[in-house]
Amino acid sequence: MMTDTSLPSFFFKDLPSRQAITLKAALFLFTEKGFFKTSVHDVAAEAGVSIGFIYHHFKDKEGIARALYNCLLERINTLIDEVEMKHKKVNDRCYAVIKTLFVLTENEPQVMHFIIHARHKEFLPEEKSICSTSAFVRMRGFVFLGIENGEIRDMDPLVAAMIVYGGAIRMICLRLDDVIETPLPDMLDSLWENTWRGLDP
């Protein structure tokens, strides 16, 4: 199966075309085969670019993975920006974050697989763990703000964040593993209603 080389998705749309195609190819291969079983030659063949192009723009396989990791998380941050701008109440922000992640799981499963499932520290040891990256810190920040302003009842902030996002992340994993057959957005309202019951002051 070759990578779709049509117009890049939201995650790669601002990159030069060949770089976007290369990262899409790497995403496909890292998801399907795993990082350690994928070679630079595999990525070049999948993307239809030369080895020289890859070494010039990414240096090596770790450079490809690092560029992919940073690109995806930058785009997730952009989506968090949109949530923050559109919604003022913490309830609405947290709901919108989970909705965004659920829609991405349906529309961009390889992206979510790389973000959620990949053990990044094994091949990018100098990068932050996924839970320590800006996007996920900001997601928790919405919950912390809710405790501060009284929208969420007083409790340990990290416990509250796990209540808000833990079930949703687990559902994403199960959906990516084909355990959950129902599209996640169809389950969102039921999940959120029951989640918020544990937080409502």
N, C-alpha and C. Protein backbone atom coordinates (compact mmCIF):
# COMPACT_ATOMS: atom_id res chain seq x y z
N MET A 1 0.85 -1.19 0.00
CA MET A 1 0.00 0.00 0.00
C MET A 1 0.88 1.24 0.00
N MET A 2 0.71 2.08 -0.99
CA MET A 2 1.50 3.30 -1.07
C MET A 2 0.79 4.44 -0.34
N THR A 3 1.57 5.38 0.12
CA THR A 3 1.02 6.56 0.78
C THR A 3 0.28 7.41 -0.23
N ASP A 4 -0.86 7.95 0.21
CA ASP A 4 -1.61 8.88 -0.63
C ASP A 4 -0.80 10.15 -0.81
N THR A 5 -0.43 10.45 -2.04
CA THR A 5 0.39 11.65 -2.29
C THR A 5 -0.45 12.82 -2.80
N SER A 6 -1.76 12.77 -2.56
CA SER A 6 -2.61 13.90 -2.92
C SER A 6 -2.34 15.05 -1.96
N LEU A 7 -3.15 16.07 -2.00
CA LEU A 7 -2.91 17.25 -1.18
C LEU A 7 -2.76 16.85 0.29
N PRO A 8 -1.77 17.40 0.98
CA PRO A 8 -1.54 17.03 2.37
C PRO A 8 -2.73 17.36 3.26
N SER A 9 -2.86 16.60 4.33
CA SER A 9 -3.91 16.87 5.30
C SER A 9 -3.57 18.14 6.07
N PHE A 10 -4.48 18.51 6.96
CA PHE A 10 -4.28 19.67 7.82
C PHE A 10 -2.91 19.65 8.49
N PHE A 11 -2.44 18.49 8.86
CA PHE A 11 -1.21 18.38 9.62
C PHE A 11 0.02 18.73 8.81
N PHE A 12 -0.05 18.64 7.49
CA PHE A 12 1.13 18.89 6.67
C PHE A 12 0.93 20.00 5.65
N LYS A 13 -0.18 20.70 5.72
CA LYS A 13 -0.57 21.59 4.63
C LYS A 13 0.37 22.78 4.44
N ASP A 14 1.08 23.21 5.46
CA ASP A 14 1.94 24.39 5.34
C ASP A 14 3.38 24.05 4.97
N LEU A 15 3.66 22.77 4.80
CA LEU A 15 5.02 22.36 4.45
C LEU A 15 5.22 22.32 2.95
N PRO A 16 6.45 22.51 2.48
CA PRO A 16 6.72 22.29 1.06
C PRO A 16 6.27 20.88 0.66
N SER A 17 5.81 20.75 -0.57
CA SER A 17 5.15 19.53 -1.01
C SER A 17 5.95 18.25 -0.74
N ARG A 18 7.22 18.23 -1.14
CA ARG A 18 7.99 16.98 -0.99
C ARG A 18 8.29 16.66 0.47
N GLN A 19 8.44 17.70 1.28
CA GLN A 19 8.61 17.44 2.71
C GLN A 19 7.33 16.89 3.32
N ALA A 20 6.20 17.45 2.92
CA ALA A 20 4.91 16.96 3.40
C ALA A 20 4.70 15.50 3.02
N ILE A 21 4.99 15.18 1.76
CA ILE A 21 4.82 13.80 1.30
C ILE A 21 5.76 12.85 2.04
N THR A 22 6.98 13.32 2.31
CA THR A 22 7.94 12.49 3.04
C THR A 22 7.45 12.21 4.46
N LEU A 23 6.93 13.23 5.13
CA LEU A 23 6.44 13.02 6.49
C LEU A 23 5.18 12.15 6.50
N LYS A 24 4.34 12.31 5.48
CA LYS A 24 3.16 11.42 5.39
C LYS A 24 3.61 9.97 5.19
N ALA A 25 4.61 9.78 4.36
CA ALA A 25 5.13 8.43 4.13
C ALA A 25 5.72 7.86 5.42
N ALA A 26 6.47 8.68 6.14
CA ALA A 26 7.06 8.23 7.40
C ALA A 26 5.98 7.90 8.42
N LEU A 27 4.96 8.73 8.49
CA LEU A 27 3.85 8.47 9.40
C LEU A 27 3.21 7.13 9.09
N PHE A 28 2.96 6.87 7.82
CA PHE A 28 2.37 5.60 7.41
C PHE A 28 3.27 4.43 7.81
N LEU A 29 4.54 4.53 7.50
CA LEU A 29 5.45 3.41 7.77
C LEU A 29 5.70 3.22 9.26
N PHE A 30 5.87 4.31 10.00
CA PHE A 30 6.09 4.18 11.44
C PHE A 30 4.87 3.57 12.12
N THR A 31 3.68 3.88 11.59
CA THR A 31 2.46 3.33 12.16
C THR A 31 2.28 1.87 11.79
N GLU A 32 2.54 1.55 10.52
CA GLU A 32 2.30 0.18 10.04
C GLU A 32 3.41 -0.79 10.43
N LYS A 33 4.65 -0.35 10.35
CA LYS A 33 5.79 -1.24 10.59
C LYS A 33 6.49 -1.00 11.92
N GLY A 34 6.37 0.22 12.42
CA GLY A 34 7.12 0.61 13.61
C GLY A 34 8.38 1.36 13.22
N PHE A 35 8.85 2.21 14.11
CA PHE A 35 10.02 3.03 13.82
C PHE A 35 11.25 2.16 13.54
N PHE A 36 11.50 1.17 14.36
CA PHE A 36 12.75 0.42 14.27
C PHE A 36 12.78 -0.52 13.07
N LYS A 37 11.64 -0.87 12.53
CA LYS A 37 11.59 -1.74 11.36
C LYS A 37 11.49 -0.96 10.06
N THR A 38 11.51 0.36 10.16
CA THR A 38 11.45 1.23 8.98
C THR A 38 12.84 1.82 8.75
N SER A 39 13.29 1.78 7.50
CA SER A 39 14.59 2.37 7.15
C SER A 39 14.40 3.67 6.39
N VAL A 40 15.47 4.44 6.29
CA VAL A 40 15.42 5.66 5.47
C VAL A 40 15.08 5.30 4.03
N HIS A 41 15.61 4.18 3.53
CA HIS A 41 15.31 3.75 2.17
C HIS A 41 13.82 3.43 2.01
N ASP A 42 13.20 2.86 3.05
CA ASP A 42 11.76 2.60 3.01
C ASP A 42 10.98 3.90 2.86
N VAL A 43 11.36 4.90 3.65
CA VAL A 43 10.65 6.19 3.60
C VAL A 43 10.84 6.83 2.24
N ALA A 44 12.05 6.81 1.71
CA ALA A 44 12.31 7.41 0.40
C ALA A 44 11.49 6.73 -0.69
N ALA A 45 11.45 5.39 -0.65
CA ALA A 45 10.69 4.65 -1.66
C ALA A 45 9.20 4.94 -1.54
N GLU A 46 8.69 4.98 -0.32
CA GLU A 46 7.26 5.22 -0.10
C GLU A 46 6.87 6.62 -0.54
N ALA A 47 7.76 7.58 -0.29
CA ALA A 47 7.46 8.98 -0.62
C ALA A 47 7.78 9.32 -2.07
N GLY A 48 8.61 8.49 -2.72
CA GLY A 48 9.01 8.80 -4.08
C GLY A 48 10.02 9.93 -4.15
N VAL A 49 10.89 10.02 -3.13
CA VAL A 49 11.93 11.05 -3.12
C VAL A 49 13.29 10.34 -3.05
N SER A 50 14.34 11.08 -3.28
CA SER A 50 15.67 10.50 -3.26
C SER A 50 16.20 10.41 -1.82
N ILE A 51 17.14 9.50 -1.63
CA ILE A 51 17.82 9.42 -0.34
C ILE A 51 18.52 10.74 -0.02
N GLY A 52 19.12 11.35 -1.06
CA GLY A 52 19.79 12.63 -0.88
C GLY A 52 18.84 13.70 -0.35
N PHE A 53 17.62 13.70 -0.85
CA PHE A 53 16.62 14.67 -0.38
C PHE A 53 16.39 14.49 1.12
N ILE A 54 16.22 13.25 1.54
CA ILE A 54 15.96 12.98 2.96
C ILE A 54 17.14 13.41 3.81
N TYR A 55 18.36 13.05 3.40
CA TYR A 55 19.52 13.41 4.21
C TYR A 55 19.72 14.93 4.25
N HIS A 56 19.39 15.59 3.16
CA HIS A 56 19.53 17.05 3.11
C HIS A 56 18.54 17.73 4.05
N HIS A 57 17.28 17.28 4.05
CA HIS A 57 16.24 17.97 4.81
C HIS A 57 16.06 17.43 6.23
N PHE A 58 16.35 16.16 6.45
CA PHE A 58 16.05 15.55 7.75
C PHE A 58 17.28 14.92 8.43
N LYS A 59 18.39 14.81 7.73
CA LYS A 59 19.66 14.27 8.25
C LYS A 59 19.65 12.74 8.36
N ASP A 60 18.64 12.17 9.07
CA ASP A 60 18.61 10.72 9.28
C ASP A 60 17.19 10.32 9.68
N LYS A 61 17.02 9.05 10.02
CA LYS A 61 15.68 8.55 10.36
C LYS A 61 15.16 9.23 11.63
N GLU A 62 16.04 9.44 12.61
CA GLU A 62 15.62 10.13 13.82
C GLU A 62 15.18 11.56 13.49
N GLY A 63 15.86 12.18 12.53
CA GLY A 63 15.47 13.53 12.12
C GLY A 63 14.09 13.56 11.48
N ILE A 64 13.77 12.53 10.72
CA ILE A 64 12.42 12.42 10.15
C ILE A 64 11.40 12.29 11.27
N ALA A 65 11.68 11.39 12.22
CA ALA A 65 10.75 11.18 13.33
C ALA A 65 10.57 12.45 14.16
N ARG A 66 11.67 13.17 14.38
CA ARG A 66 11.59 14.40 15.17
C ARG A 66 10.76 15.46 14.44
N ALA A 67 10.98 15.59 13.14
CA ALA A 67 10.20 16.55 12.36
C ALA A 67 8.72 16.19 12.37
N LEU A 68 8.44 14.90 12.26
CA LEU A 68 7.05 14.44 12.28
C LEU A 68 6.42 14.71 13.64
N TYR A 69 7.11 14.36 14.69
CA TYR A 69 6.63 14.55 16.06
C TYR A 69 6.31 16.02 16.31
N ASN A 70 7.26 16.90 15.96
CA ASN A 70 7.07 18.32 16.21
C ASN A 70 5.97 18.91 15.33
N CYS A 71 5.89 18.46 14.10
CA CYS A 71 4.85 18.95 13.19
C CYS A 71 3.46 18.60 13.70
N LEU A 72 3.28 17.35 14.10
CA LEU A 72 1.96 16.92 14.58
C LEU A 72 1.57 17.66 15.85
N LEU A 73 2.51 17.81 16.76
CA LEU A 73 2.18 18.49 18.02
C LEU A 73 1.94 19.98 17.82
N GLU A 74 2.64 20.57 16.87
CA GLU A 74 2.39 21.98 16.55
C GLU A 74 0.97 22.16 16.05
N ARG A 75 0.51 21.23 15.21
CA ARG A 75 -0.86 21.33 14.68
C ARG A 75 -1.89 21.08 15.79
N ILE A 76 -1.59 20.15 16.70
CA ILE A 76 -2.49 19.94 17.83
C ILE A 76 -2.59 21.22 18.66
N ASN A 77 -1.47 21.89 18.83
CA ASN A 77 -1.49 23.17 19.55
C ASN A 77 -2.36 24.20 18.84
N THR A 78 -2.33 24.20 17.52
CA THR A 78 -3.19 25.10 16.76
C THR A 78 -4.65 24.82 17.03
N LEU A 79 -5.00 23.55 17.11
CA LEU A 79 -6.38 23.17 17.41
C LEU A 79 -6.76 23.57 18.83
N ILE A 80 -5.82 23.46 19.77
CA ILE A 80 -6.08 23.91 21.14
C ILE A 80 -6.28 25.43 21.17
N ASP A 81 -5.50 26.15 20.35
CA ASP A 81 -5.69 27.60 20.23
C ASP A 81 -7.13 27.91 19.84
N GLU A 82 -7.64 27.19 18.85
CA GLU A 82 -9.01 27.41 18.36
C GLU A 82 -10.03 27.14 19.45
N VAL A 83 -9.82 26.07 20.19
CA VAL A 83 -10.72 25.75 21.30
C VAL A 83 -10.72 26.89 22.33
N GLU A 84 -9.52 27.36 22.68
CA GLU A 84 -9.40 28.40 23.69
C GLU A 84 -10.05 29.70 23.23
N MET A 85 -9.92 30.02 21.95
CA MET A 85 -10.50 31.26 21.44
C MET A 85 -12.03 31.18 21.34
N LYS A 86 -12.55 30.02 21.00
CA LYS A 86 -13.99 29.88 20.78
C LYS A 86 -14.79 29.73 22.07
N HIS A 87 -14.16 29.20 23.11
CA HIS A 87 -14.91 28.84 24.31
C HIS A 87 -14.28 29.51 25.54
N LYS A 88 -15.11 30.04 26.39
CA LYS A 88 -14.65 30.69 27.62
C LYS A 88 -14.84 29.80 28.83
N LYS A 89 -15.94 29.06 28.88
CA LYS A 89 -16.21 28.19 30.04
C LYS A 89 -15.33 26.94 29.95
N VAL A 90 -14.85 26.51 31.11
CA VAL A 90 -13.99 25.33 31.16
C VAL A 90 -14.74 24.09 30.69
N ASN A 91 -15.98 23.96 31.08
CA ASN A 91 -16.79 22.82 30.62
C ASN A 91 -16.77 22.74 29.09
N ASP A 92 -17.01 23.87 28.45
CA ASP A 92 -17.07 23.89 26.98
C ASP A 92 -15.69 23.62 26.37
N ARG A 93 -14.64 24.15 27.00
CA ARG A 93 -13.29 23.93 26.47
C ARG A 93 -12.91 22.44 26.53
N CYS A 94 -13.14 21.83 27.66
CA CYS A 94 -12.76 20.43 27.82
C CYS A 94 -13.58 19.53 26.89
N TYR A 95 -14.87 19.83 26.79
CA TYR A 95 -15.72 19.08 25.86
C TYR A 95 -15.19 19.22 24.43
N ALA A 96 -14.83 20.46 24.06
CA ALA A 96 -14.35 20.72 22.70
C ALA A 96 -13.02 20.03 22.44
N VAL A 97 -12.14 19.97 23.44
CA VAL A 97 -10.86 19.27 23.27
C VAL A 97 -11.12 17.79 22.98
N ILE A 98 -11.98 17.17 23.77
CA ILE A 98 -12.26 15.74 23.57
C ILE A 98 -12.93 15.52 22.22
N LYS A 99 -13.84 16.39 21.86
CA LYS A 99 -14.48 16.28 20.54
C LYS A 99 -13.44 16.35 19.43
N THR A 100 -12.52 17.30 19.55
CA THR A 100 -11.45 17.45 18.56
C THR A 100 -10.63 16.18 18.44
N LEU A 101 -10.23 15.60 19.57
CA LEU A 101 -9.44 14.37 19.57
C LEU A 101 -10.23 13.20 18.99
N PHE A 102 -11.51 13.15 19.29
CA PHE A 102 -12.35 12.06 18.75
C PHE A 102 -12.49 12.19 17.23
N VAL A 103 -12.69 13.42 16.75
CA VAL A 103 -12.82 13.62 15.30
C VAL A 103 -11.49 13.28 14.61
N LEU A 104 -10.38 13.67 15.22
CA LEU A 104 -9.08 13.33 14.65
C LEU A 104 -8.88 11.82 14.60
N THR A 105 -9.35 11.13 15.61
CA THR A 105 -9.21 9.67 15.63
C THR A 105 -9.94 9.05 14.45
N GLU A 106 -11.08 9.60 14.10
CA GLU A 106 -11.84 9.07 12.95
C GLU A 106 -11.23 9.49 11.62
N ASN A 107 -10.79 10.74 11.54
CA ASN A 107 -10.33 11.28 10.25
C ASN A 107 -8.84 11.13 10.00
N GLU A 108 -8.05 11.06 11.07
CA GLU A 108 -6.59 10.99 10.96
C GLU A 108 -6.07 9.90 11.91
N PRO A 109 -6.50 8.66 11.72
CA PRO A 109 -6.11 7.61 12.68
C PRO A 109 -4.61 7.38 12.78
N GLN A 110 -3.88 7.53 11.68
CA GLN A 110 -2.43 7.34 11.76
C GLN A 110 -1.78 8.42 12.61
N VAL A 111 -2.27 9.65 12.50
CA VAL A 111 -1.76 10.73 13.33
C VAL A 111 -1.99 10.41 14.80
N MET A 112 -3.21 10.00 15.13
CA MET A 112 -3.51 9.72 16.53
C MET A 112 -2.76 8.49 17.01
N HIS A 113 -2.57 7.53 16.14
CA HIS A 113 -1.79 6.35 16.51
C HIS A 113 -0.37 6.76 16.87
N PHE A 114 0.23 7.62 16.04
CA PHE A 114 1.60 8.06 16.31
C PHE A 114 1.68 8.88 17.59
N ILE A 115 0.69 9.72 17.84
CA ILE A 115 0.70 10.57 19.02
C ILE A 115 0.43 9.77 20.29
N ILE A 116 -0.55 8.88 20.23
CA ILE A 116 -1.01 8.18 21.44
C ILE A 116 -0.25 6.89 21.70
N HIS A 117 0.01 6.10 20.65
CA HIS A 117 0.56 4.76 20.82
C HIS A 117 2.08 4.68 20.77
N ALA A 118 2.70 5.51 19.96
CA ALA A 118 4.14 5.38 19.75
C ALA A 118 4.90 5.68 21.04
N ARG A 119 5.92 4.88 21.31
CA ARG A 119 6.75 5.11 22.50
C ARG A 119 7.91 6.01 22.09
N HIS A 120 7.63 7.31 22.05
CA HIS A 120 8.57 8.26 21.47
C HIS A 120 9.92 8.30 22.18
N LYS A 121 9.92 8.09 23.48
CA LYS A 121 11.18 8.18 24.22
C LYS A 121 12.17 7.09 23.80
N GLU A 122 11.67 6.02 23.18
CA GLU A 122 12.56 4.96 22.75
C GLU A 122 13.40 5.38 21.54
N PHE A 123 12.84 6.24 20.69
CA PHE A 123 13.60 6.64 19.50
C PHE A 123 13.86 8.14 19.44
N LEU A 124 13.25 8.91 20.35
CA LEU A 124 13.53 10.34 20.45
C LEU A 124 13.77 10.67 21.92
N PRO A 125 14.84 10.14 22.49
CA PRO A 125 15.03 10.27 23.94
C PRO A 125 15.21 11.70 24.43
N GLU A 126 15.59 12.62 23.54
CA GLU A 126 15.80 14.00 23.96
C GLU A 126 14.52 14.83 23.92
N GLU A 127 13.47 14.29 23.32
CA GLU A 127 12.21 15.01 23.25
C GLU A 127 11.40 14.78 24.53
N LYS A 128 10.51 15.71 24.84
CA LYS A 128 9.62 15.53 25.97
C LYS A 128 8.69 14.35 25.73
N SER A 129 8.26 13.71 26.81
CA SER A 129 7.22 12.70 26.66
C SER A 129 5.95 13.40 26.20
N ILE A 130 5.08 12.65 25.56
CA ILE A 130 3.89 13.25 24.96
C ILE A 130 3.04 13.98 25.99
N CYS A 131 2.96 13.47 27.21
CA CYS A 131 2.14 14.10 28.25
C CYS A 131 2.75 15.40 28.77
N SER A 132 4.02 15.62 28.47
CA SER A 132 4.70 16.83 28.93
C SER A 132 4.79 17.90 27.84
N THR A 133 4.28 17.61 26.67
CA THR A 133 4.33 18.59 25.58
C THR A 133 3.30 19.69 25.80
N SER A 134 3.51 20.79 25.13
CA SER A 134 2.70 21.99 25.34
C SER A 134 1.20 21.73 25.19
N ALA A 135 0.81 21.00 24.15
CA ALA A 135 -0.62 20.78 23.92
C ALA A 135 -1.28 20.08 25.09
N PHE A 136 -0.63 19.05 25.61
CA PHE A 136 -1.22 18.28 26.70
C PHE A 136 -1.13 19.03 28.03
N VAL A 137 -0.11 19.83 28.21
CA VAL A 137 -0.03 20.69 29.39
C VAL A 137 -1.17 21.70 29.36
N ARG A 138 -1.45 22.26 28.21
CA ARG A 138 -2.54 23.23 28.08
C ARG A 138 -3.90 22.58 28.32
N MET A 139 -4.06 21.35 27.86
CA MET A 139 -5.31 20.63 28.13
C MET A 139 -5.54 20.49 29.63
N ARG A 140 -4.49 20.11 30.34
CA ARG A 140 -4.62 20.01 31.80
C ARG A 140 -4.87 21.39 32.42
N GLY A 141 -4.25 22.42 31.81
CA GLY A 141 -4.43 23.77 32.32
C GLY A 141 -5.89 24.21 32.32
N PHE A 142 -6.66 23.77 31.32
CA PHE A 142 -8.08 24.10 31.31
C PHE A 142 -8.75 23.55 32.57
N VAL A 143 -8.39 22.34 32.95
CA VAL A 143 -8.97 21.71 34.14
C VAL A 143 -8.54 22.46 35.40
N PHE A 144 -7.26 22.79 35.48
CA PHE A 144 -6.76 23.52 36.66
C PHE A 144 -7.49 24.85 36.81
N LEU A 145 -7.73 25.53 35.68
CA LEU A 145 -8.46 26.80 35.72
C LEU A 145 -9.88 26.58 36.24
N GLY A 146 -10.49 25.47 35.83
CA GLY A 146 -11.85 25.18 36.29
C GLY A 146 -11.94 25.02 37.80
N ILE A 147 -10.90 24.43 38.40
CA ILE A 147 -10.86 24.30 39.86
C ILE A 147 -10.69 25.68 40.50
N GLU A 148 -9.81 26.50 39.91
CA GLU A 148 -9.55 27.82 40.46
C GLU A 148 -10.79 28.71 40.42
N ASN A 149 -11.57 28.64 39.33
CA ASN A 149 -12.72 29.54 39.23
C ASN A 149 -14.03 28.93 39.71
N GLY A 150 -13.96 27.71 40.25
CA GLY A 150 -15.14 27.11 40.84
C GLY A 150 -16.04 26.33 39.89
N GLU A 151 -15.66 26.23 38.61
CA GLU A 151 -16.47 25.43 37.68
C GLU A 151 -16.34 23.94 37.98
N ILE A 152 -15.19 23.54 38.52
CA ILE A 152 -14.93 22.16 38.90
C ILE A 152 -14.75 22.13 40.42
N ARG A 153 -15.35 21.14 41.08
CA ARG A 153 -15.26 21.10 42.53
C ARG A 153 -13.82 20.92 42.99
N ASP A 154 -13.56 21.36 44.20
CA ASP A 154 -12.20 21.35 44.73
C ASP A 154 -11.70 19.91 44.88
N MET A 155 -10.58 19.60 44.22
CA MET A 155 -9.97 18.29 44.31
C MET A 155 -8.53 18.41 43.81
N ASP A 156 -7.78 17.35 43.92
CA ASP A 156 -6.43 17.34 43.38
C ASP A 156 -6.49 17.64 41.89
N PRO A 157 -5.78 18.66 41.42
CA PRO A 157 -5.89 19.04 40.00
C PRO A 157 -5.53 17.92 39.03
N LEU A 158 -4.52 17.12 39.36
CA LEU A 158 -4.15 16.04 38.45
C LEU A 158 -5.21 14.95 38.43
N VAL A 159 -5.83 14.70 39.56
CA VAL A 159 -6.94 13.73 39.59
C VAL A 159 -8.08 14.24 38.70
N ALA A 160 -8.37 15.53 38.82
CA ALA A 160 -9.43 16.11 37.99
C ALA A 160 -9.10 15.99 36.51
N ALA A 161 -7.84 16.24 36.15
CA ALA A 161 -7.44 16.13 34.75
C ALA A 161 -7.58 14.69 34.25
N MET A 162 -7.25 13.73 35.09
CA MET A 162 -7.41 12.33 34.70
C MET A 162 -8.88 11.97 34.52
N ILE A 163 -9.74 12.54 35.37
CA ILE A 163 -11.17 12.30 35.21
C ILE A 163 -11.65 12.86 33.87
N VAL A 164 -11.19 14.06 33.54
CA VAL A 164 -11.63 14.71 32.31
C VAL A 164 -11.15 13.96 31.07
N TYR A 165 -9.87 13.63 31.03
CA TYR A 165 -9.28 13.12 29.79
C TYR A 165 -8.96 11.62 29.79
N GLY A 166 -8.87 11.02 30.96
CA GLY A 166 -8.43 9.63 31.02
C GLY A 166 -9.32 8.67 30.26
N GLY A 167 -10.62 8.78 30.48
CA GLY A 167 -11.56 7.90 29.79
C GLY A 167 -11.53 8.13 28.29
N ALA A 168 -11.44 9.39 27.89
CA ALA A 168 -11.42 9.72 26.46
C ALA A 168 -10.18 9.15 25.78
N ILE A 169 -9.02 9.30 26.42
CA ILE A 169 -7.79 8.77 25.83
C ILE A 169 -7.86 7.25 25.73
N ARG A 170 -8.42 6.62 26.76
CA ARG A 170 -8.56 5.16 26.70
C ARG A 170 -9.49 4.75 25.57
N MET A 171 -10.55 5.49 25.35
CA MET A 171 -11.47 5.18 24.25
C MET A 171 -10.78 5.35 22.90
N ILE A 172 -9.93 6.36 22.79
CA ILE A 172 -9.17 6.55 21.55
C ILE A 172 -8.29 5.33 21.28
N CYS A 173 -7.61 4.87 22.32
CA CYS A 173 -6.75 3.68 22.17
C CYS A 173 -7.56 2.47 21.72
N LEU A 174 -8.71 2.27 22.33
CA LEU A 174 -9.54 1.12 21.99
C LEU A 174 -10.11 1.24 20.57
N ARG A 175 -10.42 2.46 20.17
CA ARG A 175 -10.91 2.68 18.80
C ARG A 175 -9.80 2.41 17.78
N LEU A 176 -8.60 2.87 18.07
CA LEU A 176 -7.47 2.63 17.17
C LEU A 176 -7.14 1.14 17.08
N ASP A 177 -7.42 0.41 18.15
CA ASP A 177 -7.17 -1.03 18.18
C ASP A 177 -8.37 -1.84 17.69
N ASP A 178 -9.39 -1.14 17.18
CA ASP A 178 -10.60 -1.78 16.63
C ASP A 178 -11.40 -2.54 17.68
N VAL A 179 -11.22 -2.20 18.95
CA VAL A 179 -12.05 -2.81 19.99
C VAL A 179 -13.40 -2.11 20.05
N ILE A 180 -13.38 -0.78 19.96
CA ILE A 180 -14.62 -0.01 19.85
C ILE A 180 -14.97 0.12 18.38
N GLU A 181 -16.17 -0.30 18.01
CA GLU A 181 -16.59 -0.26 16.61
C GLU A 181 -17.40 0.99 16.28
N THR A 182 -17.95 1.63 17.28
CA THR A 182 -18.77 2.83 17.08
C THR A 182 -17.88 4.05 16.90
N PRO A 183 -18.16 4.90 15.92
CA PRO A 183 -17.37 6.14 15.80
C PRO A 183 -17.40 6.93 17.11
N LEU A 184 -16.26 7.39 17.54
CA LEU A 184 -16.17 8.04 18.85
C LEU A 184 -17.06 9.27 18.99
N PRO A 185 -17.20 10.12 17.95
CA PRO A 185 -18.08 11.28 18.14
C PRO A 185 -19.51 10.89 18.52
N ASP A 186 -19.94 9.70 18.12
CA ASP A 186 -21.29 9.25 18.47
C ASP A 186 -21.41 8.91 19.95
N MET A 187 -20.29 8.73 20.62
CA MET A 187 -20.28 8.36 22.03
C MET A 187 -19.93 9.54 22.94
N LEU A 188 -19.64 10.68 22.33
CA LEU A 188 -19.09 11.81 23.08
C LEU A 188 -20.04 12.34 24.14
N ASP A 189 -21.29 12.58 23.78
CA ASP A 189 -22.20 13.21 24.74
C ASP A 189 -22.43 12.32 25.96
N SER A 190 -22.57 11.03 25.74
CA SER A 190 -22.75 10.11 26.85
C SER A 190 -21.51 10.12 27.75
N LEU A 191 -20.33 10.07 27.13
CA LEU A 191 -19.09 10.12 27.91
C LEU A 191 -19.01 11.40 28.72
N TRP A 192 -19.27 12.54 28.06
CA TRP A 192 -19.10 13.81 28.74
C TRP A 192 -20.10 14.01 29.86
N GLU A 193 -21.33 13.59 29.65
CA GLU A 193 -22.35 13.71 30.70
C GLU A 193 -21.90 12.98 31.96
N ASN A 194 -21.39 11.79 31.79
CA ASN A 194 -20.96 11.00 32.95
C ASN A 194 -19.65 11.49 33.53
N THR A 195 -18.78 12.03 32.68
CA THR A 195 -17.52 12.59 33.16
C THR A 195 -17.77 13.81 34.04
N TRP A 196 -18.63 14.71 33.55
CA TRP A 196 -18.84 15.96 34.27
C TRP A 196 -19.53 15.76 35.62
N ARG A 197 -20.27 14.65 35.76
CA ARG A 197 -20.90 14.38 37.05
C ARG A 197 -19.87 14.25 38.16
N GLY A 198 -18.68 13.79 37.83
CA GLY A 198 -17.63 13.65 38.83
C GLY A 198 -16.89 14.94 39.12
N LEU A 199 -17.24 16.00 38.39
CA LEU A 199 -16.51 17.28 38.50
C LEU A 199 -17.38 18.43 38.95
N ASP A 200 -18.67 18.32 38.69
CA ASP A 200 -19.59 19.42 38.94
C ASP A 200 -19.58 19.79 40.42
N PRO A 201 -19.40 21.07 40.74
CA PRO A 201 -19.34 21.47 42.16
C PRO A 201 -20.66 21.17 42.89
